[in-house]
C-alpha atoms as a PDB file:
ATOM      1  CA  UNK A   1     -17.390  -8.170  24.387  1.00  0.00           C
ATOM      2  CA  UNK A   2     -18.698  -7.155  27.836  1.00  0.00           C
ATOM      3  CA  UNK A   3     -18.954 -10.154  30.174  1.00  0.00           C
ATOM      4  CA  UNK A   4     -20.839  -8.803  33.151  1.00  0.00           C
ATOM      5  CA  UNK A   5     -24.516  -9.640  33.568  1.00  0.00           C
ATOM      6  CA  UNK A   6     -25.144  -6.110  34.803  1.00  0.00           C
ATOM      7  CA  UNK A   7     -24.815  -2.954  32.703  1.00  0.00           C
ATOM      8  CA  UNK A   8     -21.713  -1.969  34.721  1.00  0.00           C
ATOM      9  CA  UNK A   9     -18.695  -1.401  32.468  1.00  0.00           C
ATOM     10  CA  UNK A  10     -15.411  -2.549  33.957  1.00  0.00           C
ATOM     11  CA  UNK A  11     -12.368  -2.404  31.713  1.00  0.00           C
ATOM     12  CA  UNK A  12      -8.997  -3.624  32.973  1.00  0.00           C
ATOM     13  CA  UNK A  13      -5.758  -2.873  31.182  1.00  0.00           C
ATOM     14  CA  UNK A  14      -2.959  -5.390  31.701  1.00  0.00           C
ATOM     15  CA  UNK A  15       0.600  -5.683  30.413  1.00  0.00           C
ATOM     16  CA  UNK A  16       4.265  -5.451  31.224  1.00  0.00           C
ATOM     17  CA  UNK A  17       5.707  -2.529  33.157  1.00  0.00           C
ATOM     18  CA  UNK A  18       6.036   0.500  30.846  1.00  0.00           C
ATOM     19  CA  UNK A  19       3.521  -0.839  28.327  1.00  0.00           C
ATOM     20  CA  UNK A  20       1.386   2.293  28.747  1.00  0.00           C
ATOM     21  CA  UNK A  21      -1.407   0.970  30.976  1.00  0.00           C
ATOM     22  CA  UNK A  22      -1.834   4.193  32.945  1.00  0.00           C
ATOM     23  CA  UNK A  23      -1.518   6.703  30.110  1.00  0.00           C
ATOM     24  CA  UNK A  24      -3.718   4.702  27.727  1.00  0.00           C
ATOM     25  CA  UNK A  25      -6.176   3.985  30.545  1.00  0.00           C
ATOM     26  CA  UNK A  26      -6.569   7.661  31.384  1.00  0.00           C
ATOM     27  CA  UNK A  27      -7.279   8.505  27.756  1.00  0.00           C
ATOM     28  CA  UNK A  28      -9.641   5.535  27.301  1.00  0.00           C
ATOM     29  CA  UNK A  29     -11.570   6.594  30.400  1.00  0.00           C
ATOM     30  CA  UNK A  30     -11.957  10.109  29.002  1.00  0.00           C
ATOM     31  CA  UNK A  31     -13.191   8.747  25.666  1.00  0.00           C
ATOM     32  CA  UNK A  32     -15.577   6.317  27.375  1.00  0.00           C
ATOM     33  CA  UNK A  33     -16.902   8.708  29.999  1.00  0.00           C
ATOM     34  CA  UNK A  34     -15.850   6.269  32.730  1.00  0.00           C
ATOM     35  CA  UNK A  35     -13.852   6.924  35.889  1.00  0.00           C
ATOM     36  CA  UNK A  36     -10.178   5.981  35.754  1.00  0.00           C
ATOM     37  CA  UNK A  37      -8.225   4.231  38.516  1.00  0.00           C
ATOM     38  CA  UNK A  38      -4.554   3.349  38.577  1.00  0.00           C
ATOM     39  CA  UNK A  39      -4.447   0.302  40.852  1.00  0.00           C
ATOM     40  CA  UNK A  40      -0.962   1.070  42.190  1.00  0.00           C
ATOM     41  CA  UNK A  41      -2.113   4.589  43.151  1.00  0.00           C
ATOM     42  CA  UNK A  42      -5.191   3.120  44.873  1.00  0.00           C
ATOM     43  CA  UNK A  43      -2.976   0.689  46.817  1.00  0.00           C
ATOM     44  CA  UNK A  44      -0.678   3.555  47.825  1.00  0.00           C
ATOM     45  CA  UNK A  45      -3.635   5.624  49.043  1.00  0.00           C
ATOM     46  CA  UNK A  46      -5.016   2.713  51.081  1.00  0.00           C
ATOM     47  CA  UNK A  47      -1.601   1.877  52.565  1.00  0.00           C
ATOM     48  CA  UNK A  48      -0.513   5.473  53.120  1.00  0.00           C
ATOM     49  CA  UNK A  49       2.784   4.478  51.538  1.00  0.00           C
ATOM     50  CA  UNK A  50       4.401   4.238  48.118  1.00  0.00           C
ATOM     51  CA  UNK A  51       4.590   0.966  46.224  1.00  0.00           C
ATOM     52  CA  UNK A  52       8.373   1.086  46.650  1.00  0.00           C
ATOM     53  CA  UNK A  53       8.040   1.370  50.422  1.00  0.00           C
ATOM     54  CA  UNK A  54       5.433  -1.409  50.501  1.00  0.00           C
ATOM     55  CA  UNK A  55       7.909  -3.636  48.632  1.00  0.00           C
ATOM     56  CA  UNK A  56      10.663  -2.687  51.098  1.00  0.00           C
ATOM     57  CA  UNK A  57       8.537  -3.269  54.205  1.00  0.00           C
ATOM     58  CA  UNK A  58       6.373  -6.224  53.130  1.00  0.00           C
ATOM     59  CA  UNK A  59       8.211  -7.692  50.178  1.00  0.00           C
ATOM     60  CA  UNK A  60       6.596  -8.609  46.897  1.00  0.00           C
ATOM     61  CA  UNK A  61       4.340 -11.143  48.657  1.00  0.00           C
ATOM     62  CA  UNK A  62       2.871  -8.448  50.908  1.00  0.00           C
ATOM     63  CA  UNK A  63       2.294  -6.172  47.953  1.00  0.00           C
ATOM     64  CA  UNK A  64       0.549  -8.987  46.032  1.00  0.00           C
ATOM     65  CA  UNK A  65      -1.881  -9.501  48.946  1.00  0.00           C
ATOM     66  CA  UNK A  66      -2.754  -5.797  48.819  1.00  0.00           C
ATOM     67  CA  UNK A  67      -3.076  -5.988  45.035  1.00  0.00           C
ATOM     68  CA  UNK A  68      -5.518  -8.924  45.227  1.00  0.00           C
ATOM     69  CA  UNK A  69      -7.675  -7.056  47.778  1.00  0.00           C
ATOM     70  CA  UNK A  70      -7.743  -3.973  45.566  1.00  0.00           C
ATOM     71  CA  UNK A  71      -8.719  -5.999  42.505  1.00  0.00           C
ATOM     72  CA  UNK A  72     -11.564  -7.640  44.448  1.00  0.00           C
ATOM     73  CA  UNK A  73     -12.809  -4.201  45.455  1.00  0.00           C
ATOM     74  CA  UNK A  74     -12.825  -2.903  41.883  1.00  0.00           C
ATOM     75  CA  UNK A  75     -14.323  -6.146  40.533  1.00  0.00           C
ATOM     76  CA  UNK A  76     -17.331  -5.693  42.808  1.00  0.00           C
ATOM     77  CA  UNK A  77     -17.624  -1.936  42.361  1.00  0.00           C
ATOM     78  CA  UNK A  78     -18.957   0.344  39.699  1.00  0.00           C
ATOM     79  CA  UNK A  79     -17.912   1.199  36.203  1.00  0.00           C
ATOM     80  CA  UNK A  80     -14.189   1.847  35.809  1.00  0.00           C
ATOM     81  CA  UNK A  81     -11.205   1.803  33.526  1.00  0.00           C
ATOM     82  CA  UNK A  82      -8.584   0.119  35.707  1.00  0.00           C
ATOM     83  CA  UNK A  83      -4.875   0.258  34.942  1.00  0.00           C
ATOM     84  CA  UNK A  84      -3.538  -2.784  36.766  1.00  0.00           C
ATOM     85  CA  UNK A  85      -0.035  -3.489  37.944  1.00  0.00           C
ATOM     86  CA  UNK A  86       2.006  -5.629  35.581  1.00  0.00           C
ATOM     87  CA  UNK A  87       2.076  -8.582  37.978  1.00  0.00           C
ATOM     88  CA  UNK A  88      -1.655  -8.715  38.765  1.00  0.00           C
ATOM     89  CA  UNK A  89      -1.946 -11.819  36.559  1.00  0.00           C
ATOM     90  CA  UNK A  90       0.436 -13.872  38.712  1.00  0.00           C
ATOM     91  CA  UNK A  91      -2.319 -15.007  41.104  1.00  0.00           C
ATOM     92  CA  UNK A  92      -4.899 -17.438  39.767  1.00  0.00           C
ATOM     93  CA  UNK A  93      -7.675 -15.736  41.719  1.00  0.00           C
ATOM     94  CA  UNK A  94      -6.802 -12.403  40.116  1.00  0.00           C
ATOM     95  CA  UNK A  95      -6.882 -13.959  36.651  1.00  0.00           C
ATOM     96  CA  UNK A  96     -10.327 -15.425  37.377  1.00  0.00           C
ATOM     97  CA  UNK A  97     -11.643 -12.041  38.550  1.00  0.00           C
ATOM     98  CA  UNK A  98     -10.228 -10.328  35.492  1.00  0.00           C
ATOM     99  CA  UNK A  99     -11.779 -12.878  33.122  1.00  0.00           C
ATOM    100  CA  UNK A 100     -15.146 -12.941  34.886  1.00  0.00           C
ATOM    101  CA  UNK A 101     -15.737  -9.321  35.849  1.00  0.00           C
ATOM    102  CA  UNK A 102     -13.839  -7.133  33.363  1.00  0.00           C
ATOM    103  CA  UNK A 103     -13.341  -6.597  29.702  1.00  0.00           C
ATOM    104  CA  UNK A 104      -9.569  -7.119  29.659  1.00  0.00           C
ATOM    105  CA  UNK A 105      -7.268  -5.300  27.262  1.00  0.00           C
ATOM    106  CA  UNK A 106      -3.674  -6.532  27.057  1.00  0.00           C
ATOM    107  CA  UNK A 107      -1.196  -3.892  25.916  1.00  0.00           C
ATOM    108  CA  UNK A 108       1.365  -6.221  24.398  1.00  0.00           C
ATOM    109  CA  UNK A 109       4.803  -4.709  24.015  1.00  0.00           C
ATOM    110  CA  UNK A 110       8.212  -5.956  22.959  1.00  0.00           C
ATOM    111  CA  UNK A 111      10.400  -6.366  26.062  1.00  0.00           C
ATOM    112  CA  UNK A 112      13.164  -4.160  24.647  1.00  0.00           C
ATOM    113  CA  UNK A 113      10.681  -1.335  24.002  1.00  0.00           C
ATOM    114  CA  UNK A 114       9.308  -1.640  27.560  1.00  0.00           C
ATOM    115  CA  UNK A 115      12.843  -1.701  28.965  1.00  0.00           C
ATOM    116  CA  UNK A 116      13.799   1.476  27.079  1.00  0.00           C
ATOM    117  CA  UNK A 117      10.646   3.195  28.377  1.00  0.00           C
ATOM    118  CA  UNK A 118      11.320   2.095  31.956  1.00  0.00           C
ATOM    119  CA  UNK A 119      14.855   3.443  32.262  1.00  0.00           C
ATOM    120  CA  UNK A 120      14.926   6.147  34.928  1.00  0.00           C
ATOM    121  CA  UNK A 121      11.452   5.289  36.222  1.00  0.00           C
ATOM    122  CA  UNK A 122      10.503   4.266  39.749  1.00  0.00           C
ATOM    123  CA  UNK A 123       9.490   0.628  39.326  1.00  0.00           C
ATOM    124  CA  UNK A 124      10.169  -1.492  42.417  1.00  0.00           C
ATOM    125  CA  UNK A 125      10.855  -4.722  40.546  1.00  0.00           C
ATOM    126  CA  UNK A 126      13.498  -2.987  38.427  1.00  0.00           C
ATOM    127  CA  UNK A 127      15.535  -1.474  41.272  1.00  0.00           C
ATOM    128  CA  UNK A 128      19.145  -2.593  40.912  1.00  0.00           C
ATOM    129  CA  UNK A 129      18.395  -4.789  37.895  1.00  0.00           C
ATOM    130  CA  UNK A 130      19.254  -4.603  34.220  1.00  0.00           C
ATOM    131  CA  UNK A 131      15.882  -3.466  32.823  1.00  0.00           C
ATOM    132  CA  UNK A 132      16.404  -5.270  29.500  1.00  0.00           C
ATOM    133  CA  UNK A 133      17.176  -8.580  31.181  1.00  0.00           C
ATOM    134  CA  UNK A 134      14.483  -8.295  33.840  1.00  0.00           C
ATOM    135  CA  UNK A 135      11.665  -7.219  31.511  1.00  0.00           C
ATOM    136  CA  UNK A 136      12.584  -9.985  29.066  1.00  0.00           C
ATOM    137  CA  UNK A 137      12.272 -12.493  31.914  1.00  0.00           C
ATOM    138  CA  UNK A 138       8.956 -10.949  33.036  1.00  0.00           C
ATOM    139  CA  UNK A 139       7.692 -11.267  29.480  1.00  0.00           C
ATOM    140  CA  UNK A 140       8.592 -14.967  29.370  1.00  0.00           C
ATOM    141  CA  UNK A 141       6.959 -15.595  32.760  1.00  0.00           C
ATOM    142  CA  UNK A 142       3.796 -13.547  32.149  1.00  0.00           C
ATOM    143  CA  UNK A 143       2.981 -13.683  28.427  1.00  0.00           C
ATOM    144  CA  UNK A 144       0.745 -16.771  28.676  1.00  0.00           C
ATOM    145  CA  UNK A 145      -0.961 -15.338  31.781  1.00  0.00           C
ATOM    146  CA  UNK A 146      -1.771 -12.082  29.998  1.00  0.00           C
ATOM    147  CA  UNK A 147      -3.107 -14.057  27.028  1.00  0.00           C
ATOM    148  CA  UNK A 148      -5.247 -16.197  29.342  1.00  0.00           C
ATOM    149  CA  UNK A 149      -7.062 -13.094  30.620  1.00  0.00           C
ATOM    150  CA  UNK A 150      -7.222 -10.915  27.532  1.00  0.00           C
ATOM    151  CA  UNK A 151     -10.393 -10.265  25.594  1.00  0.00           C
ATOM    152  CA  UNK A 152      -8.401  -7.997  23.323  1.00  0.00           C
ATOM    153  CA  UNK A 153      -4.687  -7.705  22.577  1.00  0.00           C
ATOM    154  CA  UNK A 154      -3.237  -4.465  21.251  1.00  0.00           C
ATOM    155  CA  UNK A 155       0.392  -3.992  20.203  1.00  0.00           C
ATOM    156  CA  UNK A 156       1.675  -0.985  22.131  1.00  0.00           C
ATOM    157  CA  UNK A 157       5.207  -0.915  20.698  1.00  0.00           C
ATOM    158  CA  UNK A 158       5.079   2.186  18.533  1.00  0.00           C
ATOM    159  CA  UNK A 159       1.460   3.379  18.441  1.00  0.00           C
ATOM    160  CA  UNK A 160       0.746   6.606  20.282  1.00  0.00           C
ATOM    161  CA  UNK A 161      -1.478   6.841  23.340  1.00  0.00           C
ATOM    162  CA  UNK A 162      -4.319   8.616  21.549  1.00  0.00           C
ATOM    163  CA  UNK A 163      -4.488   6.052  18.751  1.00  0.00           C
ATOM    164  CA  UNK A 164      -4.299   3.105  21.180  1.00  0.00           C
ATOM    165  CA  UNK A 165      -7.127   4.522  23.292  1.00  0.00           C
ATOM    166  CA  UNK A 166      -9.263   5.183  20.213  1.00  0.00           C
ATOM    167  CA  UNK A 167      -8.649   1.671  18.865  1.00  0.00           C
ATOM    168  CA  UNK A 168      -9.681   0.115  22.187  1.00  0.00           C
ATOM    169  CA  UNK A 169     -12.683   2.419  22.563  1.00  0.00           C
ATOM    170  CA  UNK A 170     -13.926   1.610  19.059  1.00  0.00           C
ATOM    171  CA  UNK A 171     -13.521  -2.133  19.623  1.00  0.00           C
ATOM    172  CA  UNK A 172     -15.351  -2.387  22.945  1.00  0.00           C
ATOM    173  CA  UNK A 173     -18.269  -0.003  22.623  1.00  0.00           C
END
């Protein structure tokens, strides 16, 4: 399933907000013996600011520029399990990098399950919005984009983190 010509293992986890990308990614990295990176945390460290503040100061467009730069960096770097932001697939260049340089795992989740998980969280796109309505609209807008990139699709609705990570690990090794 690995697409790179080199022996470098790059695994990207994509999916809606609250699909479990970070928690599953951390566990998958531990199982795989690979370093783990949460892309939003990497963007925050580079910017010296939270994702929420980046959205406030630069808007979503400014954040997406930072996100594309971060993805390029990880696509040309070493082995990694990368938990992406939910909107990384919106840019065609990002989708190409994901397809070409990573083994991509899509954590597919029902929008209502993701919305329930996201209530009370700090997700910039959800500020002031009805999480059920917004995540349903994100699902409609992004589902085909996630599918376009995914080497593997895993339903993350009710399966626990440990089992999801094991299932992914077993499938890609």
